[in-house]
Amino acid sequence: MTAFGISKKNVDRSFQADPSSFIPHSYSHSLLVSDNPRQKCYMHLQSDWFKKQLLPGASLTQLQDDYSYHLDRVMHLEKFQGHFVTSHQSDSEVTVSLGRFTRHILSHCSFRAFFDETLFELEPDFAKIYQTWEDDSWKVFYNYPYILAKDLHDARIRAIDTLARYYQLPHEARKPCWLFGVMNSELEAIGFSSTDRAGMVMMIVWAINNNAHYICFWMISHMLCNQELFTAVRSEIDACFDGKGAVGLDKLLSQCPSLDGTWNEALRLYNASTAVRKATADCYIGNKIIHKDDQIFGPVRNWQLDGHFFGEDAGTFRADRWLKRKDLARSRGFTPFGGGHTYCPGRYFAQRETYLFIAQLLRRFDLQVADAEGTTIPNPQVPPVEINLPSPAAMRPVDDMHIKVKTRNVVS
C-alpha cells in the first residue's frame, strides 16, 4: 500500500478493528458503522464490497452494461485513431498494433465504466499515464527507488493526482461505479486524505484492470494464426447477435465452446500469477519442514504446464482440449484466478469485457496478420511470450503483432 503513496498511519488505520470506535460522529451513516455488525476493519469489509460489485448481481450487471455502451461507441473504424494505428489503407481499412489496440480499447471502456467521462475531462491522457505506470508495475514488488524507475514513479504520481482531483469534485459532478464510490466515502470516514484515497483506488484498479488486454492479445493472435479456430469462434459469435446488431452476453457465455476453449487456454499458458499461503502450524512435505507463519509461494503457471493435468502437449496452445475434456476447467491444475478465500472476484468482469470486445471485433471487422505498413503476412506465427520480465499475472509478448482491420459486410 505504501507503494501507492498511502501513509503508514493510514495503512495501520485501514486494518484497525471496530472502525466505529474512531470514526467521527458526523460519519455515523458510514457502512463501517451502520452495516458492520462483526466490527470488521476497513480492509476486510472492502473485500465484501469487491464481491458485491464484481460477483454476478445488479452491480456487476450495471458495470458490464456501462462497459458495453462505451465499447459499442468506440468500435467503429472512423474512431480508430492514435498511437495504435500504424498505417491507413483506405477509409474502410487500417493496420493496427494488436497489443496497443487491445490495451487502448479495453482501458478506454473500462475506465469510463469505472469513473465515467469526468475523469478524462480532468486528464485526457489518463489512460496513457496509467499504462506507462502499468508497463513497469512489476518493479513495485521489488521496491525500485525513483532513480531506477523514474517513469514508474512519475506516472504513479500523475495518475493518483488525477484520481484525487476527481474525488475532490462535488458528489453530483462525478459518477463512479458503486465500488469506487463506496471506497471513497468509507476511506474518507476513517480519515484518508484525497491523495491516499486515490492511491487505494488506483491499487484496486490495477488489480482489476491489469490482465484482460494481454489475454485478449493472446486469444486474438492464436485465432488469427489458426484459421480453423478463427472460423469456429466467429461462427459462434455471429449466432449471438440479433437482427438489430446487438450481442447477447448470456449467449456468449453459454453457447460458445470454441471461444471458451480459447479463453481457458490463454489463461492456462500465459498466466504467471502466484498463489501465496501462510502456514498456521508446523508441517512436513517429504523431508522438508514448513514452520508456522512461513509464507509459501506457488507459481500457478508451473501447475498449468504440468503434463499430469494437461497431457504431453501441455506446452502447446490447443483450444480444443477444453472441448474434448469438459471437466478440465475444474482440474486442480487449473487455477488462473486463485482459489479459496483469495479466489479473484474480478474473474467475471474480466471474462465479460474480453468476450464482448472479441465479439464486437470479429463481428464488425475482417482481420489479417500484416506488417506495420499493412502488407499481409502468409503463415503468421504467434509471438513468443516474455519470460525474462516478472509479471504480476498475465504475461506480455516479446514482440507485438500487427493486423489489418477492414470493415466487414455483415448479412443479418
Protein backbone atom coordinates (compact mmCIF):
# COMPACT_ATOMS: atom_id res chain seq x y z
CA MET A 1 0.00 0.00 0.00
CA THR A 2 2.84 2.40 0.72
CA ALA A 3 3.97 1.85 -2.90
CA PHE A 4 0.81 3.77 -3.86
CA GLY A 5 1.69 6.70 -1.64
CA ILE A 6 -0.55 5.72 1.27
CA SER A 7 0.85 6.88 4.61
CA LYS A 8 1.92 4.37 7.25
CA LYS A 9 -0.66 5.88 9.62
CA ASN A 10 -3.49 5.23 7.17
CA VAL A 11 -2.25 1.73 6.35
CA ASP A 12 -2.48 0.91 10.07
CA ARG A 13 -5.88 2.57 10.35
CA SER A 14 -7.31 0.55 7.46
CA PHE A 15 -6.55 -2.64 9.42
CA GLN A 16 -7.82 -1.37 12.77
CA ALA A 17 -10.77 -3.39 14.07
CA ASP A 18 -14.07 -1.79 15.10
CA PRO A 19 -13.86 1.37 12.98
CA SER A 20 -16.89 2.79 14.82
CA SER A 21 -14.60 3.40 17.80
CA PHE A 22 -12.62 6.09 15.96
CA ILE A 23 -14.88 7.31 13.13
CA PRO A 24 -16.25 10.82 13.88
CA HIS A 25 -19.97 11.06 14.73
CA SER A 26 -20.51 13.12 11.58
CA TYR A 27 -19.88 9.88 9.62
CA SER A 28 -22.43 7.78 11.52
CA HIS A 29 -24.03 6.92 8.15
CA SER A 30 -20.80 5.11 7.14
CA LEU A 31 -21.16 1.45 6.22
CA LEU A 32 -18.26 0.77 8.57
CA VAL A 33 -20.61 1.87 11.38
CA SER A 34 -24.15 1.19 10.15
CA ASP A 35 -23.60 -2.10 8.30
CA ASN A 36 -20.74 -3.77 10.14
CA PRO A 37 -22.16 -6.00 12.91
CA ARG A 38 -18.94 -8.01 13.18
CA GLN A 39 -16.90 -4.81 13.57
CA LYS A 40 -14.57 -5.71 10.71
CA CYS A 41 -11.67 -3.45 9.85
CA TYR A 42 -11.89 -1.42 6.65
CA MET A 43 -9.73 -3.83 4.59
CA HIS A 44 -11.81 -6.87 5.47
CA LEU A 45 -15.09 -5.10 4.76
CA GLN A 46 -13.65 -3.83 1.49
CA SER A 47 -13.26 -7.48 0.40
CA ASP A 48 -17.01 -7.89 0.87
CA TRP A 49 -17.62 -4.83 -1.31
CA PHE A 50 -15.45 -6.30 -4.05
CA LYS A 51 -17.71 -9.31 -4.14
CA LYS A 52 -20.87 -7.19 -4.24
CA GLN A 53 -19.51 -5.22 -7.21
CA LEU A 54 -17.80 -7.99 -9.14
CA LEU A 55 -19.73 -11.20 -8.49
CA PRO A 56 -22.92 -11.78 -10.52
CA GLY A 57 -25.65 -9.41 -9.38
CA ALA A 58 -27.07 -5.96 -10.01
CA SER A 59 -23.77 -4.09 -9.51
CA LEU A 60 -21.86 -6.29 -11.97
CA THR A 61 -24.70 -6.06 -14.48
CA GLN A 62 -24.59 -2.26 -14.32
CA LEU A 63 -20.79 -2.27 -14.72
CA GLN A 64 -20.84 -4.58 -17.75
CA ASP A 65 -23.70 -2.59 -19.30
CA ASP A 66 -21.70 0.63 -18.93
CA TYR A 67 -18.64 -1.07 -20.40
CA SER A 68 -20.67 -2.44 -23.32
CA TYR A 69 -22.14 1.02 -24.00
CA HIS A 70 -18.69 2.59 -24.33
CA LEU A 71 -17.44 -0.37 -26.37
CA ASP A 72 -20.28 -0.02 -28.86
CA ARG A 73 -19.45 3.67 -29.31
CA VAL A 74 -15.73 3.19 -29.93
CA MET A 75 -15.73 0.07 -32.12
CA HIS A 76 -16.04 1.90 -35.43
CA LEU A 77 -13.21 2.26 -37.92
CA GLU A 78 -13.50 6.05 -38.03
CA LYS A 79 -12.83 6.06 -34.26
CA PHE A 80 -9.58 4.13 -34.67
CA GLN A 81 -7.10 6.95 -34.31
CA GLY A 82 -3.95 7.44 -32.30
CA HIS A 83 -0.80 5.60 -31.38
CA PHE A 84 -2.12 2.11 -32.11
CA VAL A 85 -2.78 2.82 -35.83
CA THR A 86 0.39 2.17 -37.87
CA SER A 87 -0.94 2.76 -41.41
CA HIS A 88 -4.10 3.63 -43.33
CA GLN A 89 -5.03 1.60 -46.41
CA SER A 90 -8.41 3.24 -47.12
CA ASP A 91 -11.46 4.70 -45.42
CA SER A 92 -12.54 1.15 -44.63
CA GLU A 93 -9.18 -0.43 -43.74
CA VAL A 94 -6.34 0.34 -41.34
CA THR A 95 -3.42 -1.52 -39.82
CA VAL A 96 -3.02 -1.51 -36.05
CA SER A 97 -0.63 -2.76 -33.43
CA LEU A 98 -2.62 -5.56 -31.80
CA GLY A 99 -1.03 -5.05 -28.39
CA ARG A 100 -1.63 -1.30 -28.31
CA PHE A 101 -5.08 -1.68 -29.87
CA THR A 102 -6.40 -4.17 -27.31
CA ARG A 103 -4.99 -2.13 -24.44
CA HIS A 104 -6.41 1.14 -25.77
CA ILE A 105 -9.92 -0.18 -26.38
CA LEU A 106 -10.23 -2.08 -23.09
CA SER A 107 -8.82 0.77 -20.98
CA HIS A 108 -10.93 3.35 -22.86
CA CYS A 109 -14.08 1.42 -22.00
CA SER A 110 -13.26 0.05 -18.55
CA PHE A 111 -12.04 3.37 -17.11
CA ARG A 112 -15.21 5.06 -18.33
CA ALA A 113 -17.29 2.28 -16.79
CA PHE A 114 -15.39 2.73 -13.52
CA PHE A 115 -15.35 6.54 -13.36
CA ASP A 116 -17.44 8.00 -16.24
CA GLU A 117 -16.25 10.60 -18.74
CA THR A 118 -15.48 13.13 -16.00
CA LEU A 119 -12.11 11.53 -15.29
CA PHE A 120 -10.98 12.17 -18.89
CA GLU A 121 -12.25 15.74 -18.77
CA LEU A 122 -9.83 16.28 -15.89
CA GLU A 123 -6.96 14.45 -17.63
CA PRO A 124 -7.49 13.43 -21.28
CA ASP A 125 -4.28 11.36 -21.17
CA PHE A 126 -5.23 9.43 -18.03
CA ALA A 127 -5.24 6.02 -19.77
CA LYS A 128 -1.84 6.69 -21.35
CA ILE A 129 -0.39 7.81 -18.00
CA TYR A 130 -1.80 4.73 -16.27
CA GLN A 131 -0.44 2.44 -18.99
CA THR A 132 3.06 3.93 -18.60
CA TRP A 133 2.86 3.01 -14.94
CA GLU A 134 1.40 -0.44 -15.66
CA ASP A 135 4.22 -1.33 -18.08
CA ASP A 136 6.76 -1.17 -15.25
CA SER A 137 4.43 -2.08 -12.40
CA TRP A 138 6.31 -5.31 -11.73
CA LYS A 139 9.00 -3.11 -10.18
CA VAL A 140 6.59 -2.30 -7.35
CA PHE A 141 7.20 -5.76 -5.88
CA TYR A 142 10.94 -5.07 -5.74
CA ASN A 143 10.69 -1.55 -4.26
CA TYR A 144 12.58 0.08 -7.09
CA PRO A 145 13.65 3.59 -5.99
CA TYR A 146 12.88 6.69 -8.03
CA ILE A 147 16.39 6.86 -9.50
CA LEU A 148 15.96 3.40 -11.08
CA ALA A 149 12.29 3.72 -12.11
CA LYS A 150 11.60 7.35 -12.91
CA ASP A 151 8.83 6.64 -15.45
CA LEU A 152 7.07 4.33 -13.00
CA HIS A 153 7.05 6.82 -10.13
CA ASP A 154 6.22 9.87 -12.26
CA ALA A 155 3.27 8.07 -13.87
CA ARG A 156 2.01 6.89 -10.48
CA ILE A 157 2.13 10.42 -9.09
CA ARG A 158 0.26 11.84 -12.10
CA ALA A 159 -2.40 9.12 -12.10
CA ILE A 160 -3.04 9.42 -8.37
CA ASP A 161 -3.15 13.21 -8.62
CA THR A 162 -5.85 12.93 -11.32
CA LEU A 163 -7.89 10.49 -9.22
CA ALA A 164 -7.52 12.75 -6.18
CA ARG A 165 -8.83 15.73 -8.16
CA TYR A 166 -11.69 13.54 -9.39
CA TYR A 167 -12.72 12.71 -5.81
CA GLN A 168 -12.45 16.36 -4.80
CA LEU A 169 -15.22 17.24 -7.24
CA PRO A 170 -18.73 17.72 -5.84
CA HIS A 171 -20.56 14.43 -5.50
CA GLU A 172 -23.06 15.32 -8.22
CA ALA A 173 -20.24 16.08 -10.69
CA ARG A 174 -18.90 12.53 -10.80
CA LYS A 175 -20.49 9.11 -11.26
CA PRO A 176 -18.11 6.30 -10.32
CA CYS A 177 -19.28 2.71 -10.27
CA TRP A 178 -20.73 1.51 -6.96
CA LEU A 179 -17.43 0.10 -5.61
CA PHE A 180 -15.29 3.17 -6.22
CA GLY A 181 -17.99 5.43 -4.82
CA VAL A 182 -18.23 3.40 -1.61
CA MET A 183 -14.45 3.13 -1.27
CA ASN A 184 -14.07 6.89 -1.46
CA SER A 185 -16.76 7.68 1.13
CA GLU A 186 -15.62 4.98 3.56
CA LEU A 187 -11.94 5.89 3.29
CA GLU A 188 -12.88 9.49 3.93
CA ALA A 189 -14.75 8.36 7.04
CA ILE A 190 -11.62 6.76 8.53
CA GLY A 191 -9.53 9.84 7.83
CA PHE A 192 -7.81 9.21 4.49
CA SER A 193 -6.80 12.31 2.55
CA SER A 194 -7.99 12.60 -1.04
CA THR A 195 -4.49 11.59 -2.22
CA ASP A 196 -4.44 8.48 -0.03
CA ARG A 197 -7.97 7.60 -1.15
CA ALA A 198 -6.85 7.93 -4.76
CA GLY A 199 -3.83 5.70 -4.06
CA MET A 200 -6.08 2.98 -2.63
CA VAL A 201 -8.44 3.20 -5.60
CA MET A 202 -5.55 3.02 -8.07
CA MET A 203 -4.27 -0.13 -6.35
CA ILE A 204 -7.66 -1.78 -6.87
CA VAL A 205 -7.95 -0.54 -10.47
CA TRP A 206 -4.58 -2.19 -11.10
CA ALA A 207 -5.82 -5.48 -9.66
CA ILE A 208 -8.97 -5.42 -11.80
CA ASN A 209 -7.52 -3.98 -15.00
CA ASN A 210 -4.05 -5.48 -15.37
CA ASN A 211 -4.76 -8.72 -17.20
CA ALA A 212 -7.60 -8.54 -19.70
CA HIS A 213 -5.79 -6.75 -22.53
CA TYR A 214 -2.92 -9.28 -22.53
CA ILE A 215 -5.35 -12.21 -22.52
CA CYS A 216 -7.21 -10.56 -25.41
CA PHE A 217 -3.93 -10.24 -27.29
CA TRP A 218 -3.12 -13.94 -26.89
CA MET A 219 -6.63 -15.08 -27.81
CA ILE A 220 -6.77 -12.98 -30.96
CA SER A 221 -3.22 -13.81 -32.06
CA HIS A 222 -3.87 -17.55 -31.75
CA MET A 223 -7.15 -17.29 -33.63
CA LEU A 224 -5.51 -15.33 -36.46
CA CYS A 225 -2.75 -17.92 -36.74
CA ASN A 226 -5.23 -20.81 -36.82
CA GLN A 227 -7.90 -20.34 -39.49
CA GLU A 228 -9.94 -23.31 -38.31
CA LEU A 229 -10.14 -21.88 -34.79
CA PHE A 230 -10.91 -18.38 -36.09
CA THR A 231 -13.75 -19.68 -38.26
CA ALA A 232 -15.24 -21.70 -35.38
CA VAL A 233 -15.15 -18.78 -32.94
CA ARG A 234 -16.58 -16.28 -35.45
CA SER A 235 -19.42 -18.66 -36.31
CA GLU A 236 -20.30 -18.99 -32.62
CA ILE A 237 -20.12 -15.23 -32.11
CA ASP A 238 -22.26 -14.40 -35.16
CA ALA A 239 -25.01 -16.61 -33.73
CA CYS A 240 -25.05 -14.44 -30.58
CA PHE A 241 -26.09 -11.26 -32.42
CA ASP A 242 -29.71 -10.40 -33.08
CA GLY A 243 -31.16 -8.78 -36.19
CA LYS A 244 -30.56 -5.30 -34.78
CA GLY A 245 -26.84 -5.89 -34.30
CA ALA A 246 -26.99 -6.30 -30.53
CA VAL A 247 -24.96 -9.07 -28.90
CA GLY A 248 -26.45 -11.36 -26.28
CA LEU A 249 -23.96 -11.66 -23.43
CA ASP A 250 -25.75 -14.68 -21.96
CA LYS A 251 -25.31 -16.48 -25.28
CA LEU A 252 -21.63 -15.51 -25.47
CA LEU A 253 -21.09 -17.01 -22.03
CA SER A 254 -23.09 -20.19 -22.56
CA GLN A 255 -23.13 -21.07 -26.27
CA CYS A 256 -19.57 -20.50 -27.50
CA PRO A 257 -17.44 -23.58 -26.69
CA SER A 258 -14.58 -22.64 -29.03
CA LEU A 259 -14.43 -19.14 -27.55
CA ASP A 260 -14.43 -20.70 -24.07
CA GLY A 261 -11.61 -23.03 -25.06
CA THR A 262 -9.56 -20.15 -26.42
CA TRP A 263 -10.13 -18.16 -23.21
CA ASN A 264 -9.19 -21.06 -20.94
CA GLU A 265 -6.13 -21.96 -22.98
CA ALA A 266 -4.86 -18.36 -22.96
CA LEU A 267 -5.36 -18.22 -19.18
CA ARG A 268 -3.54 -21.52 -18.81
CA LEU A 269 -0.48 -20.71 -20.93
CA TYR A 270 0.00 -17.02 -20.25
CA ASN A 271 -0.73 -16.55 -16.57
CA ALA A 272 2.24 -16.05 -14.25
CA SER A 273 0.37 -15.21 -11.05
CA THR A 274 1.50 -16.69 -7.75
CA ALA A 275 -0.56 -18.26 -5.00
CA VAL A 276 0.57 -17.24 -1.52
CA ARG A 277 -0.39 -19.06 1.67
CA LYS A 278 0.71 -18.72 5.27
CA ALA A 279 1.32 -21.84 7.39
CA THR A 280 -0.86 -21.95 10.50
CA ALA A 281 1.12 -24.81 12.05
CA ASP A 282 4.37 -26.70 11.54
CA CYS A 283 4.04 -29.35 8.84
CA TYR A 284 6.20 -31.60 6.66
CA ILE A 285 6.24 -32.17 2.91
CA GLY A 286 8.54 -35.14 2.41
CA ASN A 287 11.60 -34.38 4.50
CA LYS A 288 11.08 -30.61 4.33
CA ILE A 289 9.58 -28.74 7.27
CA ILE A 290 7.37 -25.73 6.86
CA HIS A 291 7.25 -23.74 10.06
CA LYS A 292 4.24 -21.97 11.45
CA ASP A 293 3.87 -18.45 9.96
CA ASP A 294 6.12 -19.28 6.98
CA GLN A 295 4.79 -17.92 3.69
CA ILE A 296 4.56 -20.39 0.83
CA PHE A 297 4.65 -19.19 -2.79
CA GLY A 298 3.16 -21.36 -5.53
CA PRO A 299 3.70 -20.25 -9.16
CA VAL A 300 0.42 -21.00 -10.95
CA ARG A 301 1.97 -21.40 -14.41
CA ASN A 302 4.09 -24.38 -13.28
CA TRP A 303 0.93 -26.29 -12.44
CA GLN A 304 -0.82 -25.23 -15.64
CA LEU A 305 2.03 -26.55 -17.78
CA ASP A 306 2.07 -29.86 -15.94
CA GLY A 307 1.62 -32.82 -18.29
CA HIS A 308 -0.06 -34.75 -15.47
CA PHE A 309 -3.09 -32.49 -15.82
CA PHE A 310 -2.91 -31.38 -19.45
CA GLY A 311 -1.10 -34.15 -21.32
CA GLU A 312 2.22 -34.43 -23.11
CA ASP A 313 1.45 -31.36 -25.23
CA ALA A 314 0.80 -29.16 -22.19
CA GLY A 315 3.17 -26.52 -23.57
CA THR A 316 1.17 -26.23 -26.81
CA PHE A 317 -1.85 -23.95 -27.35
CA ARG A 318 -4.82 -26.18 -28.11
CA ALA A 319 -8.25 -24.64 -27.59
CA ASP A 320 -9.91 -27.95 -28.45
CA ARG A 321 -8.54 -29.69 -25.36
CA TRP A 322 -11.33 -27.93 -23.40
CA LEU A 323 -13.97 -29.24 -25.78
CA LYS A 324 -12.74 -32.81 -25.53
CA ARG A 325 -12.49 -32.75 -21.73
CA LYS A 326 -15.41 -30.90 -20.22
CA ASP A 327 -14.07 -31.40 -16.69
CA LEU A 328 -10.71 -29.78 -17.41
CA ALA A 329 -11.73 -26.32 -16.15
CA ARG A 330 -12.39 -27.90 -12.75
CA SER A 331 -8.98 -29.57 -12.62
CA ARG A 332 -6.79 -28.90 -9.59
CA GLY A 333 -4.09 -27.87 -12.05
CA PHE A 334 -6.15 -25.01 -13.49
CA THR A 335 -6.31 -22.09 -11.08
CA PRO A 336 -5.80 -18.90 -13.15
CA PHE A 337 -7.79 -16.81 -10.67
CA GLY A 338 -6.51 -18.41 -7.49
CA GLY A 339 -8.79 -20.22 -5.10
CA GLY A 340 -10.16 -20.38 -1.60
CA HIS A 341 -10.70 -17.11 0.23
CA THR A 342 -8.42 -15.35 -2.29
CA TYR A 343 -10.44 -16.51 -5.32
CA CYS A 344 -10.41 -13.41 -7.53
CA PRO A 345 -13.87 -11.80 -7.61
CA GLY A 346 -12.84 -9.87 -10.74
CA ARG A 347 -12.86 -13.04 -12.84
CA TYR A 348 -16.43 -12.45 -14.04
CA PHE A 349 -15.85 -8.90 -15.24
CA ALA A 350 -12.55 -9.91 -16.86
CA GLN A 351 -14.29 -12.63 -18.88
CA ARG A 352 -17.18 -10.37 -19.84
CA GLU A 353 -15.05 -7.44 -21.00
CA THR A 354 -12.87 -9.83 -23.01
CA TYR A 355 -15.76 -11.70 -24.63
CA LEU A 356 -17.64 -8.51 -25.51
CA PHE A 357 -14.55 -6.95 -27.08
CA ILE A 358 -13.69 -10.02 -29.16
CA ALA A 359 -17.34 -10.43 -30.18
CA GLN A 360 -17.55 -6.87 -31.50
CA LEU A 361 -14.16 -7.14 -33.19
CA LEU A 362 -14.94 -10.35 -35.06
CA ARG A 363 -18.49 -9.31 -35.88
CA ARG A 364 -17.69 -5.87 -37.28
CA PHE A 365 -14.33 -6.41 -38.98
CA ASP A 366 -12.31 -8.73 -41.18
CA LEU A 367 -8.83 -9.28 -39.78
CA GLN A 368 -5.48 -10.33 -41.25
CA VAL A 369 -1.99 -10.51 -39.80
CA ALA A 370 0.26 -7.97 -41.53
CA ASP A 371 3.39 -5.91 -41.05
CA ALA A 372 3.18 -2.33 -39.75
CA GLU A 373 2.64 -0.99 -43.28
CA GLY A 374 -0.26 -3.34 -43.99
CA THR A 375 1.41 -5.99 -46.14
CA THR A 376 -0.25 -9.34 -45.42
CA ILE A 377 2.00 -11.95 -43.78
CA PRO A 378 1.46 -15.52 -45.05
CA ASN A 379 1.59 -18.30 -42.48
CA PRO A 380 1.81 -15.96 -39.46
CA GLN A 381 3.19 -17.19 -36.15
CA VAL A 382 2.12 -16.27 -32.63
CA PRO A 383 4.82 -14.16 -30.94
CA PRO A 384 6.80 -15.81 -28.13
CA VAL A 385 5.89 -14.99 -24.55
CA GLU A 386 8.19 -12.78 -22.47
CA ILE A 387 9.67 -14.92 -19.69
CA ASN A 388 12.57 -12.67 -18.69
CA LEU A 389 10.48 -9.95 -17.03
CA PRO A 390 8.44 -10.59 -13.87
CA SER A 391 4.69 -10.48 -14.35
CA PRO A 392 2.02 -9.92 -11.68
CA ALA A 393 -0.39 -12.10 -13.66
CA ALA A 394 -0.99 -12.18 -17.45
CA MET A 395 2.28 -12.27 -19.39
CA ARG A 396 3.24 -9.92 -22.21
CA PRO A 397 4.58 -10.99 -25.64
CA VAL A 398 8.21 -10.47 -26.65
CA ASP A 399 7.08 -8.89 -29.91
CA ASP A 400 3.89 -7.18 -30.97
CA MET A 401 1.68 -8.35 -33.80
CA HIS A 402 0.11 -6.08 -36.45
CA ILE A 403 -3.25 -6.75 -38.01
CA LYS A 404 -5.21 -5.24 -40.89
CA VAL A 405 -8.70 -4.28 -39.76
CA LYS A 406 -11.30 -3.90 -42.51
CA THR A 407 -14.97 -3.08 -42.17
CA ARG A 408 -16.93 -6.29 -42.63
CA ASN A 409 -20.08 -6.64 -44.68
CA VAL A 410 -22.39 -8.43 -42.30
CA VAL A 411 -25.58 -10.06 -43.52
CA SER A 412 -28.08 -10.16 -40.67
